[in-house]
Amino acid sequence: MLKIKKVTNESADKQQVMELYEEAFPPVERMPFDLMLEINNQDNADLCSVYDDDEFIAFYLLITHNKVAYVSFLAVVPAKRGQNYGSMILDNIRSLYPDYSLLIDEEPVNPDSENYEQRLARERFYIRNGFRSTNYIVTAYGVDYEILSTSDNFELDDYRNIFASIGFNVANPNVKYSTK
């Protein structure tokens, strides 16, 4: 059974979360961990560690605003990947926010990318879990991300407002619409 705990500066598992964060995401895609903890202090944000009984298995950052929940930095420990934990975590988030649309972003699946197979596997995972392309590509810190949503009625302003709600000014991010 999954247990979810909010991570703080005083959390015993803060170091484990930080190590998984650094293992799972390349430096160009990471924000400073202290900034993630600062975001976590917002009323609409939760940096969570995930346990299967007493074993640390994952973490994620969730930001909610106006019936939209943005799942950021979801990562499962390497030894537990491929064991359905990611799906269970997303199901848990859905049960906590049943009336919310979920948003997530991913690196676009491009056959020319170095990690094409990894990107393809990640996209298949998201599709299996109810996400679909919004056809929007956002560029942040020089990296392109495709916005995925569980809603049929995605509005780009919902994505922008998530970040504005935590004090990040992304009212005019570099966004392009793509039909793939």
N, C-alpha and C. Protein backbone atom coordinates (compact mmCIF):
# COMPACT_ATOMS: atom_id res chain seq x y z
N MET A 1 0.83 -1.18 0.00
CA MET A 1 0.00 0.00 0.00
C MET A 1 0.88 1.25 0.00
N LEU A 2 0.56 2.20 -0.87
CA LEU A 2 1.36 3.41 -0.97
C LEU A 2 1.07 4.35 0.19
N LYS A 3 2.15 4.94 0.69
CA LYS A 3 2.05 6.00 1.69
C LYS A 3 2.70 7.23 1.09
N ILE A 4 2.05 8.36 1.24
CA ILE A 4 2.53 9.62 0.70
C ILE A 4 2.88 10.53 1.88
N LYS A 5 4.09 11.13 1.84
CA LYS A 5 4.53 12.04 2.89
C LYS A 5 5.00 13.34 2.26
N LYS A 6 4.63 14.46 2.87
CA LYS A 6 5.13 15.75 2.40
C LYS A 6 6.58 15.91 2.84
N VAL A 7 7.42 16.32 1.91
CA VAL A 7 8.85 16.49 2.19
C VAL A 7 9.08 17.93 2.64
N THR A 8 9.86 18.08 3.70
CA THR A 8 10.25 19.40 4.19
C THR A 8 11.76 19.40 4.41
N ASN A 9 12.29 20.54 4.80
CA ASN A 9 13.72 20.62 5.13
C ASN A 9 14.09 19.69 6.27
N GLU A 10 13.13 19.40 7.13
CA GLU A 10 13.39 18.57 8.30
C GLU A 10 13.10 17.09 8.06
N SER A 11 12.57 16.74 6.91
CA SER A 11 12.18 15.35 6.64
C SER A 11 13.39 14.42 6.64
N ALA A 12 13.20 13.26 7.24
CA ALA A 12 14.27 12.26 7.27
C ALA A 12 14.61 11.76 5.87
N ASP A 13 13.65 11.81 4.96
CA ASP A 13 13.88 11.29 3.61
C ASP A 13 14.28 12.36 2.60
N LYS A 14 14.54 13.58 3.07
CA LYS A 14 14.92 14.67 2.17
C LYS A 14 16.13 14.28 1.32
N GLN A 15 17.12 13.66 1.92
CA GLN A 15 18.33 13.28 1.19
C GLN A 15 18.02 12.25 0.10
N GLN A 16 17.17 11.27 0.40
CA GLN A 16 16.79 10.26 -0.59
C GLN A 16 16.08 10.90 -1.77
N VAL A 17 15.19 11.83 -1.49
CA VAL A 17 14.46 12.53 -2.55
C VAL A 17 15.44 13.31 -3.42
N MET A 18 16.37 14.02 -2.77
CA MET A 18 17.37 14.80 -3.51
C MET A 18 18.23 13.90 -4.41
N GLU A 19 18.64 12.77 -3.89
CA GLU A 19 19.48 11.85 -4.67
C GLU A 19 18.72 11.27 -5.86
N LEU A 20 17.45 10.91 -5.67
CA LEU A 20 16.64 10.41 -6.78
C LEU A 20 16.41 11.51 -7.81
N TYR A 21 16.17 12.71 -7.35
CA TYR A 21 15.99 13.87 -8.23
C TYR A 21 17.21 14.04 -9.13
N GLU A 22 18.37 13.98 -8.55
CA GLU A 22 19.61 14.15 -9.32
C GLU A 22 19.88 12.98 -10.24
N GLU A 23 19.46 11.78 -9.86
CA GLU A 23 19.66 10.60 -10.70
C GLU A 23 18.69 10.60 -11.88
N ALA A 24 17.46 11.01 -11.64
CA ALA A 24 16.40 10.85 -12.63
C ALA A 24 16.34 11.99 -13.66
N PHE A 25 16.83 13.16 -13.32
CA PHE A 25 16.70 14.31 -14.20
C PHE A 25 18.05 14.91 -14.52
N PRO A 26 18.33 15.16 -15.80
CA PRO A 26 19.61 15.77 -16.15
C PRO A 26 19.69 17.20 -15.61
N PRO A 27 20.90 17.69 -15.36
CA PRO A 27 21.06 19.03 -14.77
C PRO A 27 20.28 20.13 -15.49
N VAL A 28 20.21 20.10 -16.80
CA VAL A 28 19.52 21.15 -17.55
C VAL A 28 18.02 21.17 -17.26
N GLU A 29 17.47 20.07 -16.77
CA GLU A 29 16.03 19.99 -16.49
C GLU A 29 15.69 20.21 -15.02
N ARG A 30 16.70 20.38 -14.18
CA ARG A 30 16.44 20.52 -12.74
C ARG A 30 16.43 21.98 -12.31
N MET A 31 15.56 22.28 -11.37
CA MET A 31 15.63 23.55 -10.66
C MET A 31 16.43 23.28 -9.38
N PRO A 32 16.98 24.30 -8.75
CA PRO A 32 17.66 24.06 -7.48
C PRO A 32 16.69 23.40 -6.50
N PHE A 33 17.18 22.40 -5.78
CA PHE A 33 16.32 21.67 -4.86
C PHE A 33 15.74 22.58 -3.78
N ASP A 34 16.52 23.57 -3.35
CA ASP A 34 16.01 24.54 -2.36
C ASP A 34 14.81 25.30 -2.90
N LEU A 35 14.80 25.57 -4.21
CA LEU A 35 13.66 26.25 -4.82
C LEU A 35 12.44 25.33 -4.81
N MET A 36 12.67 24.05 -5.04
CA MET A 36 11.57 23.09 -4.99
C MET A 36 10.98 23.06 -3.58
N LEU A 37 11.83 23.10 -2.57
CA LEU A 37 11.34 23.14 -1.19
C LEU A 37 10.60 24.44 -0.91
N GLU A 38 11.05 25.53 -1.51
CA GLU A 38 10.38 26.81 -1.35
C GLU A 38 8.98 26.77 -1.99
N ILE A 39 8.88 26.21 -3.18
CA ILE A 39 7.59 26.05 -3.85
C ILE A 39 6.67 25.20 -2.97
N ASN A 40 7.24 24.20 -2.35
CA ASN A 40 6.50 23.30 -1.48
C ASN A 40 5.82 24.04 -0.32
N ASN A 41 6.33 25.22 0.02
CA ASN A 41 5.73 26.01 1.10
C ASN A 41 4.45 26.72 0.67
N GLN A 42 4.17 26.74 -0.63
CA GLN A 42 2.94 27.35 -1.12
C GLN A 42 1.75 26.46 -0.73
N ASP A 43 0.61 27.06 -0.53
CA ASP A 43 -0.59 26.31 -0.13
C ASP A 43 -1.04 25.32 -1.20
N ASN A 44 -0.71 25.59 -2.46
CA ASN A 44 -1.19 24.74 -3.56
C ASN A 44 -0.10 23.83 -4.13
N ALA A 45 0.96 23.61 -3.37
CA ALA A 45 2.05 22.77 -3.85
C ALA A 45 2.46 21.74 -2.80
N ASP A 46 2.76 20.54 -3.28
CA ASP A 46 3.20 19.47 -2.39
C ASP A 46 4.36 18.71 -3.02
N LEU A 47 5.50 18.74 -2.37
CA LEU A 47 6.62 17.88 -2.72
C LEU A 47 6.45 16.64 -1.85
N CYS A 48 6.23 15.50 -2.50
CA CYS A 48 5.86 14.30 -1.77
C CYS A 48 6.85 13.17 -2.00
N SER A 49 7.14 12.45 -0.94
CA SER A 49 7.87 11.19 -1.06
C SER A 49 6.82 10.09 -1.01
N VAL A 50 7.12 8.99 -1.69
CA VAL A 50 6.17 7.89 -1.80
C VAL A 50 6.83 6.62 -1.28
N TYR A 51 6.08 5.89 -0.46
CA TYR A 51 6.57 4.65 0.14
C TYR A 51 5.64 3.50 -0.18
N ASP A 52 6.23 2.34 -0.36
CA ASP A 52 5.47 1.10 -0.40
C ASP A 52 5.74 0.45 0.95
N ASP A 53 4.75 0.45 1.81
CA ASP A 53 4.94 0.14 3.22
C ASP A 53 5.99 1.10 3.76
N ASP A 54 7.17 0.63 4.16
CA ASP A 54 8.18 1.53 4.70
C ASP A 54 9.36 1.76 3.75
N GLU A 55 9.24 1.31 2.50
CA GLU A 55 10.33 1.43 1.54
C GLU A 55 10.12 2.63 0.63
N PHE A 56 11.10 3.53 0.61
CA PHE A 56 11.04 4.71 -0.27
C PHE A 56 11.10 4.24 -1.72
N ILE A 57 10.12 4.70 -2.53
CA ILE A 57 10.09 4.25 -3.93
C ILE A 57 10.02 5.39 -4.95
N ALA A 58 9.59 6.59 -4.54
CA ALA A 58 9.40 7.64 -5.54
C ALA A 58 9.21 9.00 -4.87
N PHE A 59 9.16 10.02 -5.71
CA PHE A 59 8.76 11.34 -5.27
C PHE A 59 8.10 12.06 -6.44
N TYR A 60 7.38 13.13 -6.11
CA TYR A 60 6.82 14.01 -7.14
C TYR A 60 6.53 15.37 -6.52
N LEU A 61 6.43 16.36 -7.39
CA LEU A 61 5.98 17.69 -7.00
C LEU A 61 4.64 17.90 -7.68
N LEU A 62 3.64 18.30 -6.92
CA LEU A 62 2.30 18.53 -7.45
C LEU A 62 1.89 19.96 -7.14
N ILE A 63 1.43 20.66 -8.17
CA ILE A 63 0.95 22.03 -8.02
C ILE A 63 -0.48 22.07 -8.54
N THR A 64 -1.39 22.59 -7.73
CA THR A 64 -2.79 22.65 -8.13
C THR A 64 -3.26 24.10 -8.23
N HIS A 65 -4.20 24.31 -9.15
CA HIS A 65 -4.80 25.64 -9.32
C HIS A 65 -6.03 25.50 -10.20
N ASN A 66 -7.17 26.02 -9.72
CA ASN A 66 -8.40 26.05 -10.53
C ASN A 66 -8.73 24.74 -11.21
N LYS A 67 -8.81 23.67 -10.46
CA LYS A 67 -9.22 22.35 -10.97
C LYS A 67 -8.22 21.74 -11.95
N VAL A 68 -6.96 22.20 -11.87
CA VAL A 68 -5.88 21.61 -12.67
C VAL A 68 -4.77 21.22 -11.70
N ALA A 69 -4.24 20.02 -11.88
CA ALA A 69 -3.13 19.53 -11.06
C ALA A 69 -1.96 19.23 -12.00
N TYR A 70 -0.86 19.93 -11.78
CA TYR A 70 0.34 19.76 -12.59
C TYR A 70 1.29 18.83 -11.86
N VAL A 71 1.59 17.71 -12.46
CA VAL A 71 2.50 16.72 -11.89
C VAL A 71 3.89 17.02 -12.44
N SER A 72 4.80 17.33 -11.55
CA SER A 72 6.15 17.71 -11.97
C SER A 72 7.17 16.82 -11.29
N PHE A 73 8.21 16.50 -12.02
CA PHE A 73 9.34 15.75 -11.47
C PHE A 73 8.96 14.41 -10.84
N LEU A 74 8.02 13.70 -11.42
CA LEU A 74 7.68 12.36 -10.95
C LEU A 74 8.82 11.42 -11.28
N ALA A 75 9.35 10.74 -10.27
CA ALA A 75 10.44 9.79 -10.49
C ALA A 75 10.32 8.62 -9.51
N VAL A 76 10.59 7.44 -10.03
CA VAL A 76 10.58 6.19 -9.26
C VAL A 76 12.03 5.72 -9.14
N VAL A 77 12.40 5.17 -7.99
CA VAL A 77 13.78 4.68 -7.82
C VAL A 77 14.08 3.63 -8.90
N PRO A 78 15.30 3.60 -9.41
CA PRO A 78 15.63 2.70 -10.52
C PRO A 78 15.23 1.24 -10.30
N ALA A 79 15.44 0.71 -9.13
CA ALA A 79 15.15 -0.71 -8.86
C ALA A 79 13.65 -1.02 -8.90
N LYS A 80 12.81 0.01 -8.83
CA LYS A 80 11.35 -0.20 -8.79
C LYS A 80 10.65 0.22 -10.08
N ARG A 81 11.41 0.72 -11.05
CA ARG A 81 10.80 1.13 -12.32
C ARG A 81 10.26 -0.09 -13.06
N GLY A 82 9.18 0.12 -13.78
CA GLY A 82 8.56 -0.97 -14.52
C GLY A 82 7.71 -1.90 -13.67
N GLN A 83 7.44 -1.51 -12.43
CA GLN A 83 6.64 -2.35 -11.52
C GLN A 83 5.30 -1.72 -11.18
N ASN A 84 4.84 -0.81 -12.03
CA ASN A 84 3.52 -0.21 -11.93
C ASN A 84 3.41 0.89 -10.86
N TYR A 85 4.52 1.28 -10.24
CA TYR A 85 4.45 2.31 -9.21
C TYR A 85 4.04 3.66 -9.77
N GLY A 86 4.55 4.03 -10.94
CA GLY A 86 4.18 5.30 -11.54
C GLY A 86 2.68 5.39 -11.75
N SER A 87 2.08 4.33 -12.27
CA SER A 87 0.62 4.30 -12.48
C SER A 87 -0.12 4.38 -11.15
N MET A 88 0.37 3.68 -10.14
CA MET A 88 -0.29 3.72 -8.84
C MET A 88 -0.23 5.13 -8.25
N ILE A 89 0.89 5.82 -8.45
CA ILE A 89 1.03 7.19 -7.94
C ILE A 89 0.04 8.11 -8.65
N LEU A 90 -0.04 8.00 -9.97
CA LEU A 90 -0.99 8.83 -10.72
C LEU A 90 -2.43 8.52 -10.31
N ASP A 91 -2.73 7.24 -10.09
CA ASP A 91 -4.07 6.87 -9.60
C ASP A 91 -4.36 7.49 -8.23
N ASN A 92 -3.34 7.51 -7.38
CA ASN A 92 -3.49 8.11 -6.05
C ASN A 92 -3.76 9.60 -6.18
N ILE A 93 -3.05 10.28 -7.05
CA ILE A 93 -3.27 11.72 -7.26
C ILE A 93 -4.70 11.95 -7.78
N ARG A 94 -5.12 11.12 -8.72
CA ARG A 94 -6.49 11.24 -9.25
C ARG A 94 -7.53 11.06 -8.13
N SER A 95 -7.27 10.13 -7.23
CA SER A 95 -8.24 9.91 -6.14
C SER A 95 -8.26 11.08 -5.16
N LEU A 96 -7.13 11.75 -4.98
CA LEU A 96 -7.08 12.92 -4.11
C LEU A 96 -7.70 14.16 -4.75
N TYR A 97 -7.67 14.21 -6.09
CA TYR A 97 -8.18 15.37 -6.84
C TYR A 97 -9.11 14.88 -7.95
N PRO A 98 -10.24 14.28 -7.58
CA PRO A 98 -11.10 13.63 -8.58
C PRO A 98 -11.71 14.58 -9.62
N ASP A 99 -11.86 15.83 -9.28
CA ASP A 99 -12.47 16.78 -10.21
C ASP A 99 -11.44 17.62 -10.97
N TYR A 100 -10.18 17.23 -10.90
CA TYR A 100 -9.10 17.99 -11.51
C TYR A 100 -8.62 17.31 -12.80
N SER A 101 -8.21 18.13 -13.75
CA SER A 101 -7.48 17.63 -14.91
C SER A 101 -6.01 17.56 -14.50
N LEU A 102 -5.32 16.54 -14.96
CA LEU A 102 -3.89 16.43 -14.69
C LEU A 102 -3.12 16.94 -15.89
N LEU A 103 -2.04 17.66 -15.62
CA LEU A 103 -1.10 18.11 -16.64
C LEU A 103 0.27 17.55 -16.31
N ILE A 104 1.02 17.26 -17.33
CA ILE A 104 2.40 16.82 -17.17
C ILE A 104 3.12 17.25 -18.43
N ASP A 105 4.41 17.42 -18.35
CA ASP A 105 5.13 17.68 -19.60
C ASP A 105 6.27 16.69 -19.73
N GLU A 106 6.64 16.47 -20.98
CA GLU A 106 7.69 15.50 -21.29
C GLU A 106 8.51 16.01 -22.45
N GLU A 107 9.71 15.48 -22.58
CA GLU A 107 10.51 15.79 -23.75
C GLU A 107 9.79 15.22 -24.97
N PRO A 108 9.67 15.98 -26.05
CA PRO A 108 8.99 15.45 -27.24
C PRO A 108 9.68 14.19 -27.76
N VAL A 109 8.88 13.28 -28.27
CA VAL A 109 9.42 12.04 -28.82
C VAL A 109 9.93 12.36 -30.23
N ASN A 110 11.25 12.38 -30.34
CA ASN A 110 11.91 12.73 -31.59
C ASN A 110 12.89 11.61 -31.93
N PRO A 111 12.72 10.95 -33.08
CA PRO A 111 13.61 9.83 -33.44
C PRO A 111 15.09 10.21 -33.50
N ASP A 112 15.39 11.50 -33.63
CA ASP A 112 16.79 11.94 -33.69
C ASP A 112 17.40 12.19 -32.31
N SER A 113 16.61 12.13 -31.25
CA SER A 113 17.15 12.41 -29.92
C SER A 113 17.98 11.22 -29.41
N GLU A 114 18.98 11.54 -28.60
CA GLU A 114 19.88 10.50 -28.04
C GLU A 114 19.11 9.47 -27.23
N ASN A 115 18.11 9.92 -26.50
CA ASN A 115 17.36 9.02 -25.62
C ASN A 115 15.97 8.72 -26.19
N TYR A 116 15.92 8.49 -27.48
CA TYR A 116 14.64 8.26 -28.17
C TYR A 116 13.83 7.14 -27.53
N GLU A 117 14.45 6.01 -27.25
CA GLU A 117 13.72 4.86 -26.68
C GLU A 117 13.14 5.21 -25.31
N GLN A 118 13.91 5.94 -24.52
CA GLN A 118 13.44 6.36 -23.20
C GLN A 118 12.24 7.31 -23.34
N ARG A 119 12.33 8.25 -24.27
CA ARG A 119 11.22 9.19 -24.49
C ARG A 119 9.97 8.45 -24.97
N LEU A 120 10.16 7.49 -25.87
CA LEU A 120 9.04 6.72 -26.39
C LEU A 120 8.37 5.91 -25.28
N ALA A 121 9.18 5.28 -24.43
CA ALA A 121 8.64 4.51 -23.31
C ALA A 121 7.88 5.42 -22.34
N ARG A 122 8.43 6.59 -22.09
CA ARG A 122 7.77 7.54 -21.19
C ARG A 122 6.43 7.99 -21.78
N GLU A 123 6.40 8.27 -23.08
CA GLU A 123 5.15 8.68 -23.71
C GLU A 123 4.11 7.57 -23.65
N ARG A 124 4.53 6.34 -23.91
CA ARG A 124 3.60 5.21 -23.83
C ARG A 124 3.02 5.07 -22.42
N PHE A 125 3.87 5.28 -21.43
CA PHE A 125 3.42 5.24 -20.03
C PHE A 125 2.33 6.29 -19.79
N TYR A 126 2.58 7.52 -20.22
CA TYR A 126 1.60 8.58 -20.01
C TYR A 126 0.30 8.30 -20.75
N ILE A 127 0.38 7.81 -21.97
CA ILE A 127 -0.83 7.49 -22.74
C ILE A 127 -1.62 6.39 -22.04
N ARG A 128 -0.92 5.36 -21.54
CA ARG A 128 -1.61 4.29 -20.79
C ARG A 128 -2.31 4.84 -19.56
N ASN A 129 -1.82 5.93 -19.04
CA ASN A 129 -2.37 6.52 -17.83
C ASN A 129 -3.31 7.69 -18.10
N GLY A 130 -3.84 7.75 -19.32
CA GLY A 130 -4.91 8.69 -19.62
C GLY A 130 -4.49 10.06 -20.13
N PHE A 131 -3.21 10.28 -20.34
CA PHE A 131 -2.75 11.56 -20.86
C PHE A 131 -2.80 11.55 -22.39
N ARG A 132 -2.95 12.73 -22.95
CA ARG A 132 -2.90 12.87 -24.40
C ARG A 132 -2.21 14.20 -24.73
N SER A 133 -1.70 14.25 -25.92
CA SER A 133 -0.99 15.45 -26.36
C SER A 133 -1.95 16.63 -26.44
N THR A 134 -1.45 17.79 -26.05
CA THR A 134 -2.19 19.03 -26.25
C THR A 134 -1.72 19.70 -27.54
N ASN A 135 -0.67 19.16 -28.13
CA ASN A 135 -0.01 19.71 -29.31
C ASN A 135 0.73 21.02 -29.03
N TYR A 136 0.95 21.32 -27.75
CA TYR A 136 1.73 22.50 -27.39
C TYR A 136 3.12 22.07 -26.94
N ILE A 137 4.12 22.79 -27.44
CA ILE A 137 5.51 22.60 -27.05
C ILE A 137 5.95 23.87 -26.33
N VAL A 138 6.45 23.72 -25.13
CA VAL A 138 6.95 24.84 -24.33
C VAL A 138 8.46 24.71 -24.25
N THR A 139 9.16 25.81 -24.42
CA THR A 139 10.60 25.81 -24.25
C THR A 139 10.93 26.50 -22.93
N ALA A 140 11.61 25.77 -22.05
CA ALA A 140 12.02 26.30 -20.75
C ALA A 140 13.50 26.01 -20.57
N TYR A 141 14.26 27.04 -20.30
CA TYR A 141 15.71 26.92 -20.09
C TYR A 141 16.38 26.19 -21.25
N GLY A 142 15.89 26.45 -22.47
CA GLY A 142 16.50 25.88 -23.66
C GLY A 142 16.09 24.45 -23.97
N VAL A 143 15.15 23.90 -23.21
CA VAL A 143 14.71 22.52 -23.41
C VAL A 143 13.24 22.55 -23.82
N ASP A 144 12.89 21.78 -24.86
CA ASP A 144 11.51 21.67 -25.29
C ASP A 144 10.78 20.60 -24.48
N TYR A 145 9.52 20.90 -24.15
CA TYR A 145 8.65 19.96 -23.46
C TYR A 145 7.29 19.98 -24.14
N GLU A 146 6.73 18.81 -24.31
CA GLU A 146 5.37 18.71 -24.82
C GLU A 146 4.42 18.64 -23.63
N ILE A 147 3.37 19.45 -23.67
CA ILE A 147 2.38 19.46 -22.59
C ILE A 147 1.37 18.36 -22.87
N LEU A 148 1.16 17.49 -21.87
CA LEU A 148 0.16 16.43 -21.96
C LEU A 148 -0.91 16.71 -20.90
N SER A 149 -2.14 16.30 -21.21
CA SER A 149 -3.26 16.55 -20.30
C SER A 149 -4.20 15.36 -20.28
N THR A 150 -4.92 15.22 -19.20
CA THR A 150 -5.97 14.21 -19.13
C THR A 150 -7.31 14.78 -19.58
N SER A 151 -7.35 16.06 -19.87
CA SER A 151 -8.59 16.73 -20.26
C SER A 151 -8.70 16.84 -21.77
N ASP A 152 -9.92 16.74 -22.26
CA ASP A 152 -10.19 17.00 -23.67
C ASP A 152 -10.28 18.51 -23.94
N ASN A 153 -10.37 19.28 -22.89
CA ASN A 153 -10.58 20.73 -23.02
C ASN A 153 -9.40 21.53 -22.48
N PHE A 154 -8.19 21.16 -22.87
CA PHE A 154 -7.00 21.84 -22.39
C PHE A 154 -6.99 23.30 -22.84
N GLU A 155 -6.63 24.17 -21.90
CA GLU A 155 -6.46 25.59 -22.19
C GLU A 155 -5.04 25.97 -21.79
N LEU A 156 -4.31 26.60 -22.70
CA LEU A 156 -2.94 26.99 -22.42
C LEU A 156 -2.85 27.89 -21.19
N ASP A 157 -3.86 28.71 -20.97
CA ASP A 157 -3.87 29.58 -19.79
C ASP A 157 -3.85 28.77 -18.49
N ASP A 158 -4.45 27.58 -18.49
CA ASP A 158 -4.40 26.73 -17.29
C ASP A 158 -2.95 26.39 -16.95
N TYR A 159 -2.17 26.08 -17.97
CA TYR A 159 -0.75 25.75 -17.78
C TYR A 159 -0.01 26.98 -17.24
N ARG A 160 -0.23 28.11 -17.87
CA ARG A 160 0.43 29.35 -17.43
C ARG A 160 0.04 29.71 -16.00
N ASN A 161 -1.25 29.55 -15.69
CA ASN A 161 -1.74 29.93 -14.37
C ASN A 161 -1.20 29.05 -13.25
N ILE A 162 -0.89 27.81 -13.55
CA ILE A 162 -0.24 26.94 -12.55
C ILE A 162 1.04 27.59 -12.06
N PHE A 163 1.85 28.04 -12.99
CA PHE A 163 3.13 28.64 -12.62
C PHE A 163 2.97 30.00 -11.98
N ALA A 164 2.03 30.79 -12.49
CA ALA A 164 1.77 32.09 -11.89
C ALA A 164 1.29 31.94 -10.45
N SER A 165 0.57 30.86 -10.16
CA SER A 165 0.03 30.65 -8.81
C SER A 165 1.12 30.42 -7.77
N ILE A 166 2.30 30.03 -8.21
CA ILE A 166 3.42 29.83 -7.26
C ILE A 166 4.46 30.93 -7.39
N GLY A 167 4.12 31.97 -8.15
CA GLY A 167 5.01 33.11 -8.27
C GLY A 167 6.00 33.04 -9.42
N PHE A 168 5.85 32.08 -10.32
CA PHE A 168 6.71 32.00 -11.50
C PHE A 168 6.02 32.75 -12.62
N ASN A 169 6.66 33.73 -13.17
CA ASN A 169 6.05 34.51 -14.24
C ASN A 169 6.30 33.84 -15.58
N VAL A 170 5.33 33.09 -16.02
CA VAL A 170 5.43 32.44 -17.33
C VAL A 170 4.23 32.82 -18.18
N ALA A 171 3.79 34.05 -18.02
CA ALA A 171 2.63 34.50 -18.77
C ALA A 171 2.87 34.43 -20.27
N ASN A 172 4.09 34.60 -20.68
CA ASN A 172 4.41 34.55 -22.10
C ASN A 172 5.57 33.61 -22.39
N PRO A 173 5.44 32.34 -22.02
CA PRO A 173 6.54 31.43 -22.33
C PRO A 173 6.63 31.19 -23.83
N ASN A 174 7.76 30.70 -24.26
CA ASN A 174 7.93 30.36 -25.67
C ASN A 174 7.12 29.10 -25.92
N VAL A 175 5.95 29.26 -26.51
CA VAL A 175 5.04 28.15 -26.77
C VAL A 175 4.75 28.10 -28.25
N LYS A 176 4.78 26.90 -28.78
CA LYS A 176 4.37 26.74 -30.17
C LYS A 176 3.39 25.58 -30.26
N TYR A 177 2.49 25.71 -31.20
CA TYR A 177 1.51 24.65 -31.44
C TYR A 177 2.07 23.75 -32.53
N SER A 178 1.99 22.45 -32.30
CA SER A 178 2.56 21.50 -33.24
C SER A 178 1.54 20.40 -33.55
N THR A 179 1.44 20.04 -34.78
CA THR A 179 0.55 18.94 -35.14
C THR A 179 1.33 17.66 -35.30
N LYS A 180 2.58 17.68 -34.87
CA LYS A 180 3.50 16.53 -34.96
C LYS A 180 3.68 16.20 -36.37
